[in-house]
């Protein structure tokens, strides 16, 4: 440690920098861990909350498309098997998949509202 003006400056050795890559200009967080320790952490910029919600929306929309695909597959499989297929099983499967797809649609609407509120638009 050395004093520069009214501030104490910490020097980090190459050995430490090989373990935790820091460069001049990087921002760090310093926390006191009394009675004799401090913790220095490299600051990692957060993903803006609006960007995270946009990514979550993409995931939900992909899940919704997956249910649409599963429904189309179930109908195609039933049609391919002709009269050998069980129509009650198909009906139950389609109702289940529709229900799950609709739950995803609600989650998408909720995320869009959350995004709207964060953007203040």
C-alpha atoms as a PDB file:
ATOM      1  CA  UNK A   1       0.000   0.000   0.000  1.00  0.00           C
ATOM      2  CA  UNK A   2       1.036   3.537  -0.598  1.00  0.00           C
ATOM      3  CA  UNK A   3      -0.530   6.887  -0.070  1.00  0.00           C
ATOM      4  CA  UNK A   4      -1.453   9.072  -3.039  1.00  0.00           C
ATOM      5  CA  UNK A   5      -2.937  12.381  -1.974  1.00  0.00           C
ATOM      6  CA  UNK A   6      -5.470  11.542   0.699  1.00  0.00           C
ATOM      7  CA  UNK A   7      -6.043   8.019  -0.645  1.00  0.00           C
ATOM      8  CA  UNK A   8      -4.477   4.626  -0.014  1.00  0.00           C
ATOM      9  CA  UNK A   9      -3.557   2.728  -3.198  1.00  0.00           C
ATOM     10  CA  UNK A  10      -3.309  -1.077  -3.340  1.00  0.00           C
ATOM     11  CA  UNK A  11      -0.814  -2.686  -5.719  1.00  0.00           C
ATOM     12  CA  UNK A  12      -1.708  -6.106  -7.127  1.00  0.00           C
ATOM     13  CA  UNK A  13       1.043  -8.558  -8.090  1.00  0.00           C
ATOM     14  CA  UNK A  14       1.213 -10.400 -11.425  1.00  0.00           C
ATOM     15  CA  UNK A  15       0.397 -13.630  -9.578  1.00  0.00           C
ATOM     16  CA  UNK A  16      -2.908 -12.189  -8.393  1.00  0.00           C
ATOM     17  CA  UNK A  17      -3.679 -10.719 -11.820  1.00  0.00           C
ATOM     18  CA  UNK A  18      -3.109 -14.124 -13.455  1.00  0.00           C
ATOM     19  CA  UNK A  19      -5.827 -15.557 -11.198  1.00  0.00           C
ATOM     20  CA  UNK A  20      -8.290 -12.675 -11.607  1.00  0.00           C
ATOM     21  CA  UNK A  21      -7.803 -10.740 -14.824  1.00  0.00           C
ATOM     22  CA  UNK A  22      -7.997  -7.024 -14.106  1.00  0.00           C
ATOM     23  CA  UNK A  23      -6.807  -4.245 -16.351  1.00  0.00           C
ATOM     24  CA  UNK A  24      -6.204  -0.559 -15.924  1.00  0.00           C
ATOM     25  CA  UNK A  25      -9.547   1.230 -16.046  1.00  0.00           C
ATOM     26  CA  UNK A  26     -11.598  -1.763 -14.842  1.00  0.00           C
ATOM     27  CA  UNK A  27     -14.085  -0.960 -12.137  1.00  0.00           C
ATOM     28  CA  UNK A  28     -13.921  -2.894  -8.869  1.00  0.00           C
ATOM     29  CA  UNK A  29     -16.137  -3.237  -5.826  1.00  0.00           C
ATOM     30  CA  UNK A  30     -14.480  -3.089  -2.413  1.00  0.00           C
ATOM     31  CA  UNK A  31     -16.211  -4.500   0.650  1.00  0.00           C
ATOM     32  CA  UNK A  32     -15.033  -4.366   4.245  1.00  0.00           C
ATOM     33  CA  UNK A  33     -14.897  -7.724   6.019  1.00  0.00           C
ATOM     34  CA  UNK A  34     -14.027  -6.690   9.568  1.00  0.00           C
ATOM     35  CA  UNK A  35     -11.884  -7.012  11.523  1.00  0.00           C
ATOM     36  CA  UNK A  36      -8.909  -7.512   9.132  1.00  0.00           C
ATOM     37  CA  UNK A  37     -10.075  -8.286   5.613  1.00  0.00           C
ATOM     38  CA  UNK A  38     -11.355  -6.566   2.523  1.00  0.00           C
ATOM     39  CA  UNK A  39     -12.891  -8.155  -0.560  1.00  0.00           C
ATOM     40  CA  UNK A  40     -12.099  -6.724  -4.001  1.00  0.00           C
ATOM     41  CA  UNK A  41     -14.340  -7.915  -6.849  1.00  0.00           C
ATOM     42  CA  UNK A  42     -14.286  -7.000 -10.507  1.00  0.00           C
ATOM     43  CA  UNK A  43     -17.489  -5.153 -11.332  1.00  0.00           C
ATOM     44  CA  UNK A  44     -19.519  -6.900 -14.013  1.00  0.00           C
ATOM     45  CA  UNK A  45     -22.080  -4.717 -15.749  1.00  0.00           C
ATOM     46  CA  UNK A  46     -25.614  -5.985 -15.311  1.00  0.00           C
ATOM     47  CA  UNK A  47     -27.739  -6.863 -18.279  1.00  0.00           C
ATOM     48  CA  UNK A  48     -30.355  -4.112 -18.424  1.00  0.00           C
ATOM     49  CA  UNK A  49     -33.598  -5.415 -16.972  1.00  0.00           C
ATOM     50  CA  UNK A  50     -35.479  -4.586 -20.170  1.00  0.00           C
ATOM     51  CA  UNK A  51     -33.038  -6.708 -22.196  1.00  0.00           C
ATOM     52  CA  UNK A  52     -33.491  -9.625 -19.800  1.00  0.00           C
ATOM     53  CA  UNK A  53     -37.268  -9.425 -20.163  1.00  0.00           C
ATOM     54  CA  UNK A  54     -36.901  -9.314 -23.951  1.00  0.00           C
ATOM     55  CA  UNK A  55     -34.828 -12.513 -23.772  1.00  0.00           C
ATOM     56  CA  UNK A  56     -37.402 -14.144 -21.470  1.00  0.00           C
ATOM     57  CA  UNK A  57     -40.096 -13.211 -23.999  1.00  0.00           C
ATOM     58  CA  UNK A  58     -38.139 -14.956 -26.748  1.00  0.00           C
ATOM     59  CA  UNK A  59     -37.974 -18.112 -24.631  1.00  0.00           C
ATOM     60  CA  UNK A  60     -41.700 -18.026 -23.895  1.00  0.00           C
ATOM     61  CA  UNK A  61     -42.563 -17.478 -27.557  1.00  0.00           C
ATOM     62  CA  UNK A  62     -40.369 -20.431 -28.520  1.00  0.00           C
ATOM     63  CA  UNK A  63     -42.191 -22.581 -25.941  1.00  0.00           C
ATOM     64  CA  UNK A  64     -45.537 -21.483 -27.389  1.00  0.00           C
ATOM     65  CA  UNK A  65     -44.370 -22.469 -30.886  1.00  0.00           C
ATOM     66  CA  UNK A  66     -43.251 -25.810 -29.484  1.00  0.00           C
ATOM     67  CA  UNK A  67     -46.794 -26.525 -28.255  1.00  0.00           C
ATOM     68  CA  UNK A  68     -48.160 -25.554 -31.683  1.00  0.00           C
ATOM     69  CA  UNK A  69     -45.752 -28.035 -33.281  1.00  0.00           C
ATOM     70  CA  UNK A  70     -46.720 -30.773 -30.846  1.00  0.00           C
ATOM     71  CA  UNK A  71     -50.411 -30.188 -31.631  1.00  0.00           C
ATOM     72  CA  UNK A  72     -49.764 -30.339 -35.387  1.00  0.00           C
ATOM     73  CA  UNK A  73     -47.747 -33.531 -34.935  1.00  0.00           C
ATOM     74  CA  UNK A  74     -50.511 -35.185 -32.893  1.00  0.00           C
ATOM     75  CA  UNK A  75     -53.104 -34.413 -35.585  1.00  0.00           C
ATOM     76  CA  UNK A  76     -50.793 -35.560 -38.405  1.00  0.00           C
ATOM     77  CA  UNK A  77     -49.979 -38.773 -36.542  1.00  0.00           C
ATOM     78  CA  UNK A  78     -53.680 -39.462 -35.976  1.00  0.00           C
ATOM     79  CA  UNK A  79     -54.488 -38.791 -39.645  1.00  0.00           C
ATOM     80  CA  UNK A  80     -51.610 -41.001 -40.792  1.00  0.00           C
ATOM     81  CA  UNK A  81     -52.853 -43.922 -38.712  1.00  0.00           C
ATOM     82  CA  UNK A  82     -56.381 -43.467 -40.034  1.00  0.00           C
ATOM     83  CA  UNK A  83     -59.094 -45.372 -38.204  1.00  0.00           C
ATOM     84  CA  UNK A  84     -56.493 -47.198 -36.106  1.00  0.00           C
ATOM     85  CA  UNK A  85     -55.866 -44.028 -34.077  1.00  0.00           C
ATOM     86  CA  UNK A  86     -57.695 -43.380 -30.813  1.00  0.00           C
ATOM     87  CA  UNK A  87     -59.775 -40.211 -31.258  1.00  0.00           C
ATOM     88  CA  UNK A  88     -60.341 -39.839 -27.497  1.00  0.00           C
ATOM     89  CA  UNK A  89     -56.597 -39.937 -26.911  1.00  0.00           C
ATOM     90  CA  UNK A  90     -56.080 -37.327 -29.649  1.00  0.00           C
ATOM     91  CA  UNK A  91     -58.794 -35.123 -28.163  1.00  0.00           C
ATOM     92  CA  UNK A  92     -57.252 -35.356 -24.675  1.00  0.00           C
ATOM     93  CA  UNK A  93     -53.762 -34.658 -25.997  1.00  0.00           C
ATOM     94  CA  UNK A  94     -54.928 -31.612 -27.949  1.00  0.00           C
ATOM     95  CA  UNK A  95     -56.800 -30.234 -24.938  1.00  0.00           C
ATOM     96  CA  UNK A  96     -53.733 -30.648 -22.736  1.00  0.00           C
ATOM     97  CA  UNK A  97     -51.421 -29.037 -25.297  1.00  0.00           C
ATOM     98  CA  UNK A  98     -53.902 -26.191 -25.853  1.00  0.00           C
ATOM     99  CA  UNK A  99     -54.052 -25.589 -22.105  1.00  0.00           C
ATOM    100  CA  UNK A 100     -50.257 -25.490 -21.808  1.00  0.00           C
ATOM    101  CA  UNK A 101     -49.971 -23.214 -24.864  1.00  0.00           C
ATOM    102  CA  UNK A 102     -52.547 -20.856 -23.328  1.00  0.00           C
ATOM    103  CA  UNK A 103     -50.600 -20.730 -20.039  1.00  0.00           C
ATOM    104  CA  UNK A 104     -47.545 -19.665 -22.019  1.00  0.00           C
ATOM    105  CA  UNK A 105     -49.644 -17.004 -23.781  1.00  0.00           C
ATOM    106  CA  UNK A 106     -50.620 -15.595 -20.368  1.00  0.00           C
ATOM    107  CA  UNK A 107     -46.955 -15.569 -19.274  1.00  0.00           C
ATOM    108  CA  UNK A 108     -46.055 -13.726 -22.502  1.00  0.00           C
ATOM    109  CA  UNK A 109     -48.729 -11.106 -21.844  1.00  0.00           C
ATOM    110  CA  UNK A 110     -47.471 -10.639 -18.274  1.00  0.00           C
ATOM    111  CA  UNK A 111     -43.870 -10.202 -19.485  1.00  0.00           C
ATOM    112  CA  UNK A 112     -45.003  -7.672 -22.098  1.00  0.00           C
ATOM    113  CA  UNK A 113     -46.769  -5.698 -19.350  1.00  0.00           C
ATOM    114  CA  UNK A 114     -43.639  -5.861 -17.172  1.00  0.00           C
ATOM    115  CA  UNK A 115     -41.546  -4.615 -20.095  1.00  0.00           C
ATOM    116  CA  UNK A 116     -44.037  -1.815 -20.764  1.00  0.00           C
ATOM    117  CA  UNK A 117     -43.872  -0.683 -17.135  1.00  0.00           C
ATOM    118  CA  UNK A 118     -40.050  -0.739 -17.103  1.00  0.00           C
ATOM    119  CA  UNK A 119     -39.828   1.294 -20.290  1.00  0.00           C
ATOM    120  CA  UNK A 120     -42.297   3.817 -18.905  1.00  0.00           C
ATOM    121  CA  UNK A 121     -44.064   3.930 -22.229  1.00  0.00           C
END
